Amino acid sequence: MKKLFLTLVAGALLWQPFAQKWQKNFDYVDECNCGVAKVKKDGKIGYVDIKGNIVIPLQFDEGMTFNEGYVAVRKGQNWAYIDSVGKFITEFVYEDAMGFSEGLAPVKKASGWGFINVSGKEAIPFVYTNARQFSEGLAAVSTSPKDFWGFINKKGEIIISCNLDFADSFTKDGEARVSKRGQWMWINKYNQKVRD
């Protein structure tokens, strides 16, 4: 049994350099997600398939990891979104951008943060001073004038009032880390404290 284990480990170690040989063609290779991996060479970002074939040319100044089949990429100062075959779903019109989660992505324009859907259309108006990704059906957002945080649903309705000093996204356990009047705690989706 021990010999079989050692043989398998040795085989895996020998196979690894050949399986990943194409990675040497790039300065940086990210994890493969949605069938593609972010790569970087000579300061430009692009995306390859699991065999190292270029799917989306190295043309971007910055790019995120694919999530839900889409990714935010930057050229110059502005961000846009593309799908996993390189088709643009938006133009380069956003000042800042995050990945898709639950079908929506937080993006920033001059008027503030809002959310777009996977068609690249505005789903929630650009009225927030900051925003986080959706998780468990809610997204943390902050509002003017004091940048207090709260949570909205996918219709843009405020579910937890914006009276928190800070709020993070909900975990899969249905809890979010928040701060109120200097006290850190975890709350549930009903704005009830569940633990410190």
Protein backbone atom coordinates (compact mmCIF):
# COMPACT_ATOMS: atom_id res chain seq x y z
CA MET A 1 0.00 0.00 0.00
CA LYS A 2 2.83 2.38 0.89
CA LYS A 3 4.55 1.64 -2.45
CA LEU A 4 1.34 2.37 -4.35
CA PHE A 5 0.96 5.68 -2.53
CA LEU A 6 4.57 6.68 -3.24
CA THR A 7 4.18 5.69 -6.90
CA LEU A 8 1.05 7.83 -7.22
CA VAL A 9 2.73 10.83 -5.55
CA ALA A 10 5.82 10.48 -7.75
CA GLY A 11 3.64 10.19 -10.85
CA ALA A 12 1.70 13.29 -9.92
CA LEU A 13 4.91 15.24 -9.34
CA LEU A 14 6.36 14.13 -12.67
CA TRP A 15 3.12 14.90 -14.53
CA GLN A 16 2.72 18.38 -13.05
CA PRO A 17 5.52 20.12 -15.02
CA PHE A 18 4.18 18.76 -18.30
CA ALA A 19 0.56 19.58 -17.47
CA GLN A 20 1.44 23.18 -16.62
CA LYS A 21 4.17 23.78 -19.20
CA TRP A 22 2.17 26.52 -20.93
CA GLN A 23 2.15 28.60 -17.75
CA LYS A 24 5.79 29.50 -18.38
CA ASN A 25 4.63 31.62 -21.33
CA PHE A 26 3.17 34.19 -18.91
CA ASP A 27 4.44 36.36 -16.06
CA TYR A 28 1.38 35.49 -13.95
CA VAL A 29 -1.34 32.83 -14.10
CA ASP A 30 -4.43 32.93 -11.88
CA GLU A 31 -6.71 30.03 -10.94
CA CYS A 32 -9.00 28.69 -13.64
CA ASN A 33 -12.60 29.80 -13.07
CA CYS A 34 -15.55 29.43 -15.47
CA GLY A 35 -13.22 27.51 -17.81
CA VAL A 36 -10.71 30.37 -18.16
CA ALA A 37 -7.77 31.74 -16.22
CA LYS A 38 -6.46 35.29 -15.99
CA VAL A 39 -2.90 35.66 -17.29
CA LYS A 40 -0.46 38.54 -17.44
CA LYS A 41 2.50 39.23 -19.69
CA ASP A 42 4.44 42.44 -20.28
CA GLY A 43 1.98 44.35 -18.09
CA LYS A 44 -1.15 43.31 -19.99
CA ILE A 45 -4.00 41.06 -18.82
CA GLY A 46 -5.84 38.46 -20.90
CA TYR A 47 -7.53 35.09 -20.40
CA VAL A 48 -6.68 31.53 -21.48
CA ASP A 49 -8.48 28.18 -21.41
CA ILE A 50 -7.29 25.20 -19.34
CA LYS A 51 -4.83 24.21 -22.10
CA GLY A 52 -3.23 27.64 -22.17
CA ASN A 53 -4.85 28.74 -25.43
CA ILE A 54 -5.59 32.46 -25.49
CA VAL A 55 -9.35 32.98 -25.39
CA ILE A 56 -9.33 36.72 -24.72
CA PRO A 57 -6.20 38.59 -25.95
CA LEU A 58 -3.83 40.25 -23.49
CA GLN A 59 -5.05 43.82 -23.97
CA PHE A 60 -6.25 45.03 -20.58
CA ASP A 61 -4.45 47.08 -17.92
CA GLU A 62 -6.26 45.24 -15.14
CA GLY A 63 -8.75 42.40 -14.89
CA MET A 64 -10.56 40.41 -12.24
CA THR A 65 -11.21 36.69 -11.98
CA PHE A 66 -14.28 35.37 -13.78
CA ASN A 67 -17.37 34.92 -11.65
CA GLU A 68 -20.75 33.68 -12.87
CA GLY A 69 -19.40 33.72 -16.43
CA TYR A 70 -18.41 37.41 -16.53
CA VAL A 71 -15.42 39.53 -15.59
CA ALA A 72 -14.62 43.22 -15.11
CA VAL A 73 -11.63 44.50 -17.10
CA ARG A 74 -9.95 47.91 -17.17
CA LYS A 75 -8.38 49.91 -19.98
CA GLY A 76 -6.93 53.24 -18.95
CA GLN A 77 -9.11 54.63 -16.16
CA ASN A 78 -12.39 52.88 -16.95
CA TRP A 79 -13.90 49.44 -16.46
CA ALA A 80 -16.12 47.26 -18.66
CA TYR A 81 -17.52 43.72 -18.46
CA ILE A 82 -16.99 40.82 -20.83
CA ASP A 83 -18.25 37.24 -20.96
CA SER A 84 -16.08 34.10 -21.10
CA VAL A 85 -15.67 34.27 -24.89
CA GLY A 86 -14.63 37.93 -24.84
CA LYS A 87 -17.94 39.52 -25.84
CA PHE A 88 -18.47 42.91 -24.19
CA ILE A 89 -21.71 43.31 -22.25
CA THR A 90 -20.85 46.94 -21.35
CA GLU A 91 -18.57 49.64 -22.67
CA PHE A 92 -15.67 51.12 -20.68
CA VAL A 93 -17.85 53.52 -18.69
CA TYR A 94 -17.31 52.64 -15.01
CA GLU A 95 -14.89 54.31 -12.60
CA ASP A 96 -14.72 51.17 -10.44
CA ALA A 97 -16.19 47.68 -10.60
CA MET A 98 -16.57 44.40 -8.71
CA GLY A 99 -17.42 40.87 -9.74
CA PHE A 100 -20.88 39.47 -10.32
CA SER A 101 -22.63 37.75 -7.44
CA GLU A 102 -26.21 36.48 -7.52
CA GLY A 103 -26.61 37.95 -11.02
CA LEU A 104 -25.66 41.54 -10.11
CA ALA A 105 -22.39 43.48 -9.99
CA PRO A 106 -21.63 46.68 -8.04
CA VAL A 107 -20.21 49.40 -10.31
CA LYS A 108 -19.33 53.05 -9.86
CA LYS A 109 -20.11 56.04 -12.05
CA ALA A 110 -19.56 59.73 -11.28
CA SER A 111 -22.94 59.85 -9.49
CA GLY A 112 -22.04 56.95 -7.19
CA TRP A 113 -22.29 53.17 -6.86
CA GLY A 114 -25.12 51.12 -8.31
CA PHE A 115 -25.65 47.63 -9.74
CA ILE A 116 -25.88 46.15 -13.23
CA ASN A 117 -27.29 42.80 -14.34
CA VAL A 118 -25.67 40.20 -16.63
CA SER A 119 -27.13 41.98 -19.67
CA GLY A 120 -25.10 45.05 -18.72
CA LYS A 121 -28.22 47.04 -17.85
CA GLU A 122 -28.71 49.18 -14.73
CA ALA A 123 -30.57 47.13 -12.14
CA ILE A 124 -30.22 49.42 -9.10
CA PRO A 125 -29.59 53.20 -9.48
CA PHE A 126 -26.14 54.74 -8.97
CA VAL A 127 -26.90 56.59 -5.74
CA TYR A 128 -24.64 54.98 -3.11
CA THR A 129 -21.30 56.21 -1.78
CA ASN A 130 -20.06 52.61 -1.56
CA ALA A 131 -21.36 49.10 -2.18
CA ARG A 132 -20.50 45.44 -1.74
CA GLN A 133 -21.51 42.33 -3.69
CA PHE A 134 -24.82 40.58 -3.10
CA SER A 135 -24.78 37.62 -0.76
CA GLU A 136 -27.77 35.79 0.69
CA GLY A 137 -30.03 38.13 -1.30
CA LEU A 138 -28.70 41.34 0.31
CA ALA A 139 -25.93 43.82 -0.45
CA ALA A 140 -24.26 46.25 1.93
CA VAL A 141 -24.40 49.87 0.74
CA SER A 142 -23.49 53.23 2.22
CA THR A 143 -25.36 56.47 1.75
CA SER A 144 -24.69 60.19 2.04
CA PRO A 145 -24.24 62.43 3.91
CA LYS A 146 -22.46 60.50 6.67
CA ASP A 147 -21.59 57.31 4.76
CA PHE A 148 -23.62 55.10 7.08
CA TRP A 149 -24.07 51.51 5.92
CA GLY A 150 -27.15 49.35 5.58
CA PHE A 151 -28.45 46.54 3.34
CA ILE A 152 -30.64 46.50 0.23
CA ASN A 153 -32.37 43.68 -1.63
CA LYS A 154 -32.20 43.07 -5.39
CA LYS A 155 -35.04 45.53 -5.99
CA GLY A 156 -32.97 48.28 -4.34
CA GLU A 157 -35.25 48.38 -1.30
CA ILE A 158 -33.59 49.11 2.04
CA ILE A 159 -33.98 46.03 4.23
CA ILE A 160 -31.64 47.04 7.06
CA SER A 161 -31.54 50.79 7.72
CA CYS A 162 -28.41 52.72 6.88
CA ASN A 163 -27.36 53.46 10.46
CA LEU A 164 -24.23 51.27 10.70
CA ASP A 165 -20.67 52.61 10.84
CA PHE A 166 -19.53 49.71 8.66
CA ALA A 167 -21.04 46.59 7.09
CA ASP A 168 -19.56 43.60 5.30
CA SER A 169 -21.30 41.05 3.07
CA PHE A 170 -23.36 38.24 4.54
CA THR A 171 -21.66 34.87 4.81
CA LYS A 172 -23.28 31.61 3.73
CA ASP A 173 -24.22 31.16 7.38
CA GLY A 174 -26.53 34.18 7.04
CA GLU A 175 -24.42 36.48 9.21
CA ALA A 176 -22.71 39.79 8.46
CA ARG A 177 -19.98 41.56 10.41
CA VAL A 178 -20.98 45.15 11.18
CA SER A 179 -19.99 48.05 13.41
CA LYS A 180 -22.46 50.34 15.18
CA ARG A 181 -21.39 53.17 17.47
CA GLY A 182 -17.91 51.65 17.66
CA GLN A 183 -19.12 48.18 18.66
CA TRP A 184 -18.32 45.26 16.35
CA MET A 185 -20.81 42.41 16.09
CA TRP A 186 -22.39 39.87 13.78
CA ILE A 187 -26.02 40.30 12.74
CA ASN A 188 -28.51 38.13 10.87
CA LYS A 189 -30.67 39.18 7.92
CA TYR A 190 -33.31 40.49 10.34
CA ASN A 191 -30.79 42.94 11.85
CA GLN A 192 -30.62 40.94 15.08
CA LYS A 193 -27.29 40.62 16.86
CA VAL A 194 -26.22 36.97 16.89
CA ARG A 195 -22.73 37.29 18.41
CA ASP A 196 -19.86 39.67 19.17
